[in-house]
């Protein structure tokens, strides 16, 4: 009887641990990361940049003479960002 319980419970326990570790080590994909941040619309697409806009004034935030946006919608950028010096 003891062997039967061990043969049934151990594989189930191993499966549950493997599932738990799979979720615990799940990392954010680069595509998810690309959906947040700062973007410019150049060459017909929205490109990710690092500018440091702080949205604290009414002065438009620019990067290499391009307007900076806070959302990437795939083929377009939206939500204009502002910057205070």
PDB file of N, CA and C in Angstrom:
ATOM      1  N   UNK A   1       0.819  -1.188   0.000  1.00  0.00           N
ATOM      2  CA  UNK A   1       0.000   0.000   0.000  1.00  0.00           C
ATOM      3  C   UNK A   1       0.864   1.254   0.000  1.00  0.00           C
ATOM      4  N   UNK A   2       1.942   1.225   0.783  1.00  0.00           N
ATOM      5  CA  UNK A   2       2.831   2.379   0.883  1.00  0.00           C
ATOM      6  C   UNK A   2       3.498   2.668  -0.458  1.00  0.00           C
ATOM      7  N   UNK A   3       3.904   1.610  -1.162  1.00  0.00           N
ATOM      8  CA  UNK A   3       4.525   1.781  -2.477  1.00  0.00           C
ATOM      9  C   UNK A   3       3.548   2.392  -3.474  1.00  0.00           C
ATOM     10  N   UNK A   4       2.315   1.995  -3.394  1.00  0.00           N
ATOM     11  CA  UNK A   4       1.297   2.496  -4.325  1.00  0.00           C
ATOM     12  C   UNK A   4       1.092   4.002  -4.134  1.00  0.00           C
ATOM     13  N   UNK A   5       1.045   4.461  -2.889  1.00  0.00           N
ATOM     14  CA  UNK A   5       0.884   5.885  -2.604  1.00  0.00           C
ATOM     15  C   UNK A   5       2.093   6.652  -3.116  1.00  0.00           C
ATOM     16  N   UNK A   6       3.287   6.143  -2.865  1.00  0.00           N
ATOM     17  CA  UNK A   6       4.513   6.807  -3.309  1.00  0.00           C
ATOM     18  C   UNK A   6       4.553   6.876  -4.828  1.00  0.00           C
ATOM     19  N   UNK A   7       4.169   5.805  -5.504  1.00  0.00           N
ATOM     20  CA  UNK A   7       4.171   5.784  -6.968  1.00  0.00           C
ATOM     21  C   UNK A   7       3.150   6.752  -7.557  1.00  0.00           C
ATOM     22  N   UNK A   8       2.094   7.038  -6.835  1.00  0.00           N
ATOM     23  CA  UNK A   8       1.064   7.952  -7.323  1.00  0.00           C
ATOM     24  C   UNK A   8       1.351   9.396  -6.937  1.00  0.00           C
ATOM     25  N   UNK A   9       1.773   9.623  -5.724  1.00  0.00           N
ATOM     26  CA  UNK A   9       1.948  10.976  -5.199  1.00  0.00           C
ATOM     27  C   UNK A   9       3.228  11.631  -5.714  1.00  0.00           C
ATOM     28  N   UNK A  10       4.323  10.938  -5.796  1.00  0.00           N
ATOM     29  CA  UNK A  10       5.589  11.548  -6.210  1.00  0.00           C
ATOM     30  C   UNK A  10       5.544  12.128  -7.633  1.00  0.00           C
ATOM     31  N   UNK A  11       5.023  11.419  -8.624  1.00  0.00           N
ATOM     32  CA  UNK A  11       4.934  12.041  -9.946  1.00  0.00           C
ATOM     33  C   UNK A  11       4.018  13.269  -9.972  1.00  0.00           C
ATOM     34  N   UNK A  12       2.929  13.194  -9.219  1.00  0.00           N
ATOM     35  CA  UNK A  12       2.021  14.336  -9.137  1.00  0.00           C
ATOM     36  C   UNK A  12       2.709  15.524  -8.475  1.00  0.00           C
ATOM     37  N   UNK A  13       3.447  15.280  -7.407  1.00  0.00           N
ATOM     38  CA  UNK A  13       4.185  16.337  -6.717  1.00  0.00           C
ATOM     39  C   UNK A  13       5.262  16.927  -7.625  1.00  0.00           C
ATOM     40  N   UNK A  14       5.958  16.093  -8.362  1.00  0.00           N
ATOM     41  CA  UNK A  14       6.991  16.578  -9.287  1.00  0.00           C
ATOM     42  C   UNK A  14       6.369  17.453 -10.376  1.00  0.00           C
ATOM     43  N   UNK A  15       5.232  17.058 -10.897  1.00  0.00           N
ATOM     44  CA  UNK A  15       4.535  17.855 -11.912  1.00  0.00           C
ATOM     45  C   UNK A  15       4.111  19.208 -11.353  1.00  0.00           C
ATOM     46  N   UNK A  16       3.563  19.212 -10.146  1.00  0.00           N
ATOM     47  CA  UNK A  16       3.136  20.466  -9.525  1.00  0.00           C
ATOM     48  C   UNK A  16       4.318  21.393  -9.273  1.00  0.00           C
ATOM     49  N   UNK A  17       5.439  20.876  -8.832  1.00  0.00           N
ATOM     50  CA  UNK A  17       6.631  21.696  -8.610  1.00  0.00           C
ATOM     51  C   UNK A  17       7.167  22.251  -9.930  1.00  0.00           C
ATOM     52  N   UNK A  18       7.177  21.440 -10.958  1.00  0.00           N
ATOM     53  CA  UNK A  18       7.654  21.908 -12.262  1.00  0.00           C
ATOM     54  C   UNK A  18       6.773  23.039 -12.781  1.00  0.00           C
ATOM     55  N   UNK A  19       5.477  22.914 -12.604  1.00  0.00           N
ATOM     56  CA  UNK A  19       4.554  23.968 -13.029  1.00  0.00           C
ATOM     57  C   UNK A  19       4.782  25.244 -12.230  1.00  0.00           C
ATOM     58  N   UNK A  20       4.953  25.128 -10.943  1.00  0.00           N
ATOM     59  CA  UNK A  20       5.179  26.295 -10.092  1.00  0.00           C
ATOM     60  C   UNK A  20       6.487  26.997 -10.477  1.00  0.00           C
ATOM     61  N   UNK A  21       7.545  26.251 -10.714  1.00  0.00           N
ATOM     62  CA  UNK A  21       8.823  26.851 -11.100  1.00  0.00           C
ATOM     63  C   UNK A  21       8.751  27.493 -12.483  1.00  0.00           C
ATOM     64  N   UNK A  22       7.941  26.933 -13.363  1.00  0.00           N
ATOM     65  CA  UNK A  22       7.794  27.518 -14.696  1.00  0.00           C
ATOM     66  C   UNK A  22       7.168  28.912 -14.603  1.00  0.00           C
ATOM     67  N   UNK A  23       6.182  29.075 -13.754  1.00  0.00           N
ATOM     68  CA  UNK A  23       5.559  30.388 -13.574  1.00  0.00           C
ATOM     69  C   UNK A  23       6.474  31.334 -12.797  1.00  0.00           C
ATOM     70  N   UNK A  24       7.212  30.813 -11.846  1.00  0.00           N
ATOM     71  CA  UNK A  24       8.087  31.651 -11.022  1.00  0.00           C
ATOM     72  C   UNK A  24       9.240  32.222 -11.828  1.00  0.00           C
ATOM     73  N   UNK A  25       9.683  31.533 -12.850  1.00  0.00           N
ATOM     74  CA  UNK A  25      10.823  31.993 -13.639  1.00  0.00           C
ATOM     75  C   UNK A  25      10.412  32.633 -14.955  1.00  0.00           C
ATOM     76  N   UNK A  26       9.117  32.830 -15.168  1.00  0.00           N
ATOM     77  CA  UNK A  26       8.636  33.439 -16.405  1.00  0.00           C
ATOM     78  C   UNK A  26       9.140  34.876 -16.493  1.00  0.00           C
ATOM     79  N   UNK A  27       9.790  35.214 -17.598  1.00  0.00           N
ATOM     80  CA  UNK A  27      10.321  36.554 -17.786  1.00  0.00           C
ATOM     81  C   UNK A  27       9.505  37.294 -18.818  1.00  0.00           C
ATOM     82  N   UNK A  28       9.544  38.612 -18.722  1.00  0.00           N
ATOM     83  CA  UNK A  28       8.842  39.466 -19.666  1.00  0.00           C
ATOM     84  C   UNK A  28       9.541  39.389 -21.019  1.00  0.00           C
ATOM     85  N   UNK A  29       8.777  39.220 -22.070  1.00  0.00           N
ATOM     86  CA  UNK A  29       9.381  39.151 -23.394  1.00  0.00           C
ATOM     87  C   UNK A  29       9.760  40.544 -23.874  1.00  0.00           C
ATOM     88  N   UNK A  30      10.657  40.618 -24.845  1.00  0.00           N
ATOM     89  CA  UNK A  30      11.080  41.909 -25.371  1.00  0.00           C
ATOM     90  C   UNK A  30       9.929  42.640 -26.042  1.00  0.00           C
ATOM     91  N   UNK A  31       8.952  41.903 -26.571  1.00  0.00           N
ATOM     92  CA  UNK A  31       7.805  42.545 -27.184  1.00  0.00           C
ATOM     93  C   UNK A  31       6.957  43.262 -26.131  1.00  0.00           C
ATOM     94  N   UNK A  32       6.811  42.671 -24.939  1.00  0.00           N
ATOM     95  CA  UNK A  32       6.085  43.320 -23.858  1.00  0.00           C
ATOM     96  C   UNK A  32       6.803  44.575 -23.398  1.00  0.00           C
ATOM     97  N   UNK A  33       8.113  44.510 -23.310  1.00  0.00           N
ATOM     98  CA  UNK A  33       8.886  45.658 -22.878  1.00  0.00           C
ATOM     99  C   UNK A  33       8.801  46.794 -23.883  1.00  0.00           C
ATOM    100  N   UNK A  34       8.653  46.446 -25.140  1.00  0.00           N
ATOM    101  CA  UNK A  34       8.601  47.475 -26.175  1.00  0.00           C
ATOM    102  C   UNK A  34       7.311  48.267 -26.137  1.00  0.00           C
ATOM    103  N   UNK A  35       6.331  47.834 -25.376  1.00  0.00           N
ATOM    104  CA  UNK A  35       5.053  48.534 -25.339  1.00  0.00           C
ATOM    105  C   UNK A  35       5.028  49.662 -24.311  1.00  0.00           C
ATOM    106  N   UNK A  36       6.075  49.838 -23.532  1.00  0.00           N
ATOM    107  CA  UNK A  36       6.120  50.919 -22.559  1.00  0.00           C
ATOM    108  C   UNK A  36       7.391  51.721 -22.764  1.00  0.00           C
ATOM    109  N   UNK A  37       7.319  53.017 -22.593  1.00  0.00           N
ATOM    110  CA  UNK A  37       8.519  53.836 -22.698  1.00  0.00           C
ATOM    111  C   UNK A  37       8.327  55.063 -23.554  1.00  0.00           C
ATOM    112  N   UNK A  38       9.384  55.423 -24.265  1.00  0.00           N
ATOM    113  CA  UNK A  38       9.382  56.609 -25.106  1.00  0.00           C
ATOM    114  C   UNK A  38       9.650  56.205 -26.550  1.00  0.00           C
ATOM    115  N   UNK A  39       8.928  56.852 -27.472  1.00  0.00           N
ATOM    116  CA  UNK A  39       8.999  56.475 -28.873  1.00  0.00           C
ATOM    117  C   UNK A  39       9.027  57.707 -29.762  1.00  0.00           C
ATOM    118  N   UNK A  40       9.606  57.551 -30.944  1.00  0.00           N
ATOM    119  CA  UNK A  40       9.522  58.569 -31.995  1.00  0.00           C
ATOM    120  C   UNK A  40       8.987  57.887 -33.247  1.00  0.00           C
ATOM    121  N   UNK A  41       8.311  58.665 -34.080  1.00  0.00           N
ATOM    122  CA  UNK A  41       7.792  58.124 -35.332  1.00  0.00           C
ATOM    123  C   UNK A  41       8.774  58.505 -36.436  1.00  0.00           C
ATOM    124  N   UNK A  42       9.511  57.496 -36.946  1.00  0.00           N
ATOM    125  CA  UNK A  42      10.537  57.730 -37.953  1.00  0.00           C
ATOM    126  C   UNK A  42      10.508  56.600 -38.972  1.00  0.00           C
ATOM    127  N   UNK A  43      10.642  56.967 -40.242  1.00  0.00           N
ATOM    128  CA  UNK A  43      10.656  55.990 -41.342  1.00  0.00           C
ATOM    129  C   UNK A  43       9.411  55.114 -41.364  1.00  0.00           C
ATOM    130  N   UNK A  44       8.260  55.710 -41.052  1.00  0.00           N
ATOM    131  CA  UNK A  44       6.994  54.997 -41.142  1.00  0.00           C
ATOM    132  C   UNK A  44       6.706  54.026 -40.024  1.00  0.00           C
ATOM    133  N   UNK A  45       7.495  54.065 -38.932  1.00  0.00           N
ATOM    134  CA  UNK A  45       7.210  53.177 -37.806  1.00  0.00           C
ATOM    135  C   UNK A  45       7.585  53.844 -36.493  1.00  0.00           C
ATOM    136  N   UNK A  46       7.067  53.311 -35.425  1.00  0.00           N
ATOM    137  CA  UNK A  46       7.302  53.828 -34.084  1.00  0.00           C
ATOM    138  C   UNK A  46       8.555  53.146 -33.527  1.00  0.00           C
ATOM    139  N   UNK A  47       9.591  53.952 -33.202  1.00  0.00           N
ATOM    140  CA  UNK A  47      10.864  53.410 -32.719  1.00  0.00           C
ATOM    141  C   UNK A  47      11.071  53.746 -31.250  1.00  0.00           C
ATOM    142  N   UNK A  48      11.540  52.792 -30.487  1.00  0.00           N
ATOM    143  CA  UNK A  48      11.818  52.986 -29.068  1.00  0.00           C
ATOM    144  C   UNK A  48      13.105  53.798 -28.894  1.00  0.00           C
ATOM    145  N   UNK A  49      13.082  54.751 -27.955  1.00  0.00           N
ATOM    146  CA  UNK A  49      14.256  55.580 -27.651  1.00  0.00           C
ATOM    147  C   UNK A  49      14.367  55.743 -26.138  1.00  0.00           C
ATOM    148  N   UNK A  50      15.471  56.336 -25.707  1.00  0.00           N
ATOM    149  CA  UNK A  50      15.647  56.717 -24.310  1.00  0.00           C
ATOM    150  C   UNK A  50      15.958  58.193 -24.292  1.00  0.00           C
ATOM    151  N   UNK A  51      15.009  58.999 -23.845  1.00  0.00           N
ATOM    152  CA  UNK A  51      15.175  60.451 -23.846  1.00  0.00           C
ATOM    153  C   UNK A  51      15.097  61.027 -22.447  1.00  0.00           C
ATOM    154  N   UNK A  52      14.183  60.553 -21.632  1.00  0.00           N
ATOM    155  CA  UNK A  52      14.028  61.057 -20.278  1.00  0.00           C
ATOM    156  C   UNK A  52      13.025  62.189 -20.167  1.00  0.00           C
ATOM    157  N   UNK A  53      11.953  62.151 -20.921  1.00  0.00           N
ATOM    158  CA  UNK A  53      10.902  63.173 -20.825  1.00  0.00           C
ATOM    159  C   UNK A  53      10.191  63.029 -19.479  1.00  0.00           C
ATOM    160  N   UNK A  54       9.887  64.169 -18.841  1.00  0.00           N
ATOM    161  CA  UNK A  54       9.302  64.107 -17.505  1.00  0.00           C
ATOM    162  C   UNK A  54       7.841  64.539 -17.433  1.00  0.00           C
ATOM    163  N   UNK A  55       7.248  64.975 -18.558  1.00  0.00           N
ATOM    164  CA  UNK A  55       5.834  65.380 -18.605  1.00  0.00           C
ATOM    165  C   UNK A  55       5.476  66.413 -17.536  1.00  0.00           C
ATOM    166  N   UNK A  56       6.349  67.413 -17.312  1.00  0.00           N
ATOM    167  CA  UNK A  56       6.093  68.391 -16.261  1.00  0.00           C
ATOM    168  C   UNK A  56       5.934  69.815 -16.770  1.00  0.00           C
ATOM    169  N   UNK A  57       5.722  70.021 -18.038  1.00  0.00           N
ATOM    170  CA  UNK A  57       5.508  71.376 -18.549  1.00  0.00           C
ATOM    171  C   UNK A  57       4.672  71.304 -19.822  1.00  0.00           C
ATOM    172  N   UNK A  58       4.617  72.420 -20.527  1.00  0.00           N
ATOM    173  CA  UNK A  58       3.892  72.436 -21.805  1.00  0.00           C
ATOM    174  C   UNK A  58       4.859  72.488 -22.985  1.00  0.00           C
ATOM    175  N   UNK A  59       6.156  72.356 -22.718  1.00  0.00           N
ATOM    176  CA  UNK A  59       7.167  72.321 -23.778  1.00  0.00           C
ATOM    177  C   UNK A  59       7.246  70.904 -24.334  1.00  0.00           C
ATOM    178  N   UNK A  60       7.066  70.767 -25.641  1.00  0.00           N
ATOM    179  CA  UNK A  60       7.095  69.439 -26.256  1.00  0.00           C
ATOM    180  C   UNK A  60       8.467  68.796 -26.095  1.00  0.00           C
ATOM    181  N   UNK A  61       8.477  67.511 -25.844  1.00  0.00           N
ATOM    182  CA  UNK A  61       9.715  66.750 -25.712  1.00  0.00           C
ATOM    183  C   UNK A  61      10.106  66.238 -27.102  1.00  0.00           C
ATOM    184  N   UNK A  62      11.350  66.486 -27.500  1.00  0.00           N
ATOM    185  CA  UNK A  62      11.821  66.052 -28.823  1.00  0.00           C
ATOM    186  C   UNK A  62      13.123  65.267 -28.694  1.00  0.00           C
ATOM    187  N   UNK A  63      13.398  64.496 -29.733  1.00  0.00           N
ATOM    188  CA  UNK A  63      14.618  63.697 -29.820  1.00  0.00           C
ATOM    189  C   UNK A  63      15.061  63.732 -31.275  1.00  0.00           C
ATOM    190  N   UNK A  64      16.216  64.321 -31.556  1.00  0.00           N
ATOM    191  CA  UNK A  64      16.708  64.484 -32.936  1.00  0.00           C
ATOM    192  C   UNK A  64      15.646  65.122 -33.840  1.00  0.00           C
ATOM    193  N   UNK A  65      14.999  66.164 -33.345  1.00  0.00           N
ATOM    194  CA  UNK A  65      13.945  66.901 -34.054  1.00  0.00           C
ATOM    195  C   UNK A  65      12.681  66.080 -34.320  1.00  0.00           C
ATOM    196  N   UNK A  66      12.494  64.970 -33.645  1.00  0.00           N
ATOM    197  CA  UNK A  66      11.267  64.174 -33.734  1.00  0.00           C
ATOM    198  C   UNK A  66      10.491  64.314 -32.426  1.00  0.00           C
ATOM    199  N   UNK A  67       9.170  64.386 -32.523  1.00  0.00           N
ATOM    200  CA  UNK A  67       8.313  64.454 -31.344  1.00  0.00           C
ATOM    201  C   UNK A  67       8.368  63.127 -30.599  1.00  0.00           C
ATOM    202  N   UNK A  68       8.445  63.167 -29.270  1.00  0.00           N
ATOM    203  CA  UNK A  68       8.491  61.954 -28.447  1.00  0.00           C
ATOM    204  C   UNK A  68       7.079  61.621 -27.964  1.00  0.00           C
ATOM    205  N   UNK A  69       6.738  60.329 -28.029  1.00  0.00           N
ATOM    206  CA  UNK A  69       5.429  59.828 -27.614  1.00  0.00           C
ATOM    207  C   UNK A  69       5.610  58.781 -26.516  1.00  0.00           C
ATOM    208  N   UNK A  70       4.526  58.512 -25.770  1.00  0.00           N
ATOM    209  CA  UNK A  70       4.622  57.550 -24.668  1.00  0.00           C
ATOM    210  C   UNK A  70       3.998  56.197 -24.971  1.00  0.00           C
ATOM    211  N   UNK A  71       3.342  56.041 -26.113  1.00  0.00           N
ATOM    212  CA  UNK A  71       2.720  54.759 -26.439  1.00  0.00           C
ATOM    213  C   UNK A  71       3.062  54.321 -27.856  1.00  0.00           C
ATOM    214  N   UNK A  72       3.303  53.030 -27.990  1.00  0.00           N
ATOM    215  CA  UNK A  72       3.582  52.413 -29.281  1.00  0.00           C
ATOM    216  C   UNK A  72       2.357  51.600 -29.678  1.00  0.00           C
ATOM    217  N   UNK A  73       1.772  51.976 -30.809  1.00  0.00           N
ATOM    218  CA  UNK A  73       0.604  51.264 -31.304  1.00  0.00           C
ATOM    219  C   UNK A  73       0.989  50.427 -32.531  1.00  0.00           C
ATOM    220  N   UNK A  74       2.206  49.943 -32.552  1.00  0.00           N
ATOM    221  CA  UNK A  74       2.677  49.148 -33.683  1.00  0.00           C
ATOM    222  C   UNK A  74       3.181  50.012 -34.816  1.00  0.00           C
ATOM    223  N   UNK A  75       2.282  50.488 -35.659  1.00  0.00           N
ATOM    224  CA  UNK A  75       2.689  51.290 -36.811  1.00  0.00           C
ATOM    225  C   UNK A  75       2.543  52.782 -36.555  1.00  0.00           C
ATOM    226  N   UNK A  76       2.062  53.175 -35.383  1.00  0.00           N
ATOM    227  CA  UNK A  76       1.941  54.592 -35.061  1.00  0.00           C
ATOM    228  C   UNK A  76       2.229  54.817 -33.582  1.00  0.00           C
ATOM    229  N   UNK A  77       2.595  56.065 -33.268  1.00  0.00           N
ATOM    230  CA  UNK A  77       2.856  56.441 -31.877  1.00  0.00           C
ATOM    231  C   UNK A  77       1.733  57.362 -31.430  1.00  0.00           C
ATOM    232  N   UNK A  78       1.444  57.384 -30.136  1.00  0.00           N
ATOM    233  CA  UNK A  78       0.415  58.296 -29.636  1.00  0.00           C
ATOM    234  C   UNK A  78       0.759  58.734 -28.218  1.00  0.00           C
ATOM    235  N   UNK A  79       0.048  59.714 -27.714  1.00  0.00           N
ATOM    236  CA  UNK A  79       0.250  60.350 -26.412  1.00  0.00           C
ATOM    237  C   UNK A  79       1.558  61.140 -26.384  1.00  0.00           C
ATOM    238  N   UNK A  80       1.453  62.370 -26.801  1.00  0.00           N
ATOM    239  CA  UNK A  80       2.589  63.294 -26.859  1.00  0.00           C
ATOM    240  C   UNK A  80       3.193  63.466 -25.475  1.00  0.00           C
ATOM    241  N   UNK A  81       4.515  63.523 -25.392  1.00  0.00           N
ATOM    242  CA  UNK A  81       5.200  63.739 -24.120  1.00  0.00           C
ATOM    243  C   UNK A  81       5.773  65.162 -24.076  1.00  0.00           C
ATOM    244  N   UNK A  82       5.913  65.657 -22.852  1.00  0.00           N
ATOM    245  CA  UNK A  82       6.440  67.003 -22.609  1.00  0.00           C
ATOM    246  C   UNK A  82       7.676  66.909 -21.727  1.00  0.00           C
ATOM    247  N   UNK A  83       8.447  68.022 -21.685  1.00  0.00           N
ATOM    248  CA  UNK A  83       9.663  67.997 -20.873  1.00  0.00           C
ATOM    249  C   UNK A  83       9.967  69.377 -20.316  1.00  0.00           C
ATOM    250  N   UNK A  84      10.298  69.411 -19.033  1.00  0.00           N
ATOM    251  CA  UNK A  84      10.730  70.654 -18.389  1.00  0.00           C
ATOM    252  C   UNK A  84      12.230  70.536 -18.140  1.00  0.00           C
ATOM    253  N   UNK A  85      12.972  71.537 -18.584  1.00  0.00           N
ATOM    254  CA  UNK A  85      14.436  71.528 -18.413  1.00  0.00           C
ATOM    255  C   UNK A  85      14.838  71.539 -16.962  1.00  0.00           C
TER     256      UNK A  85
END
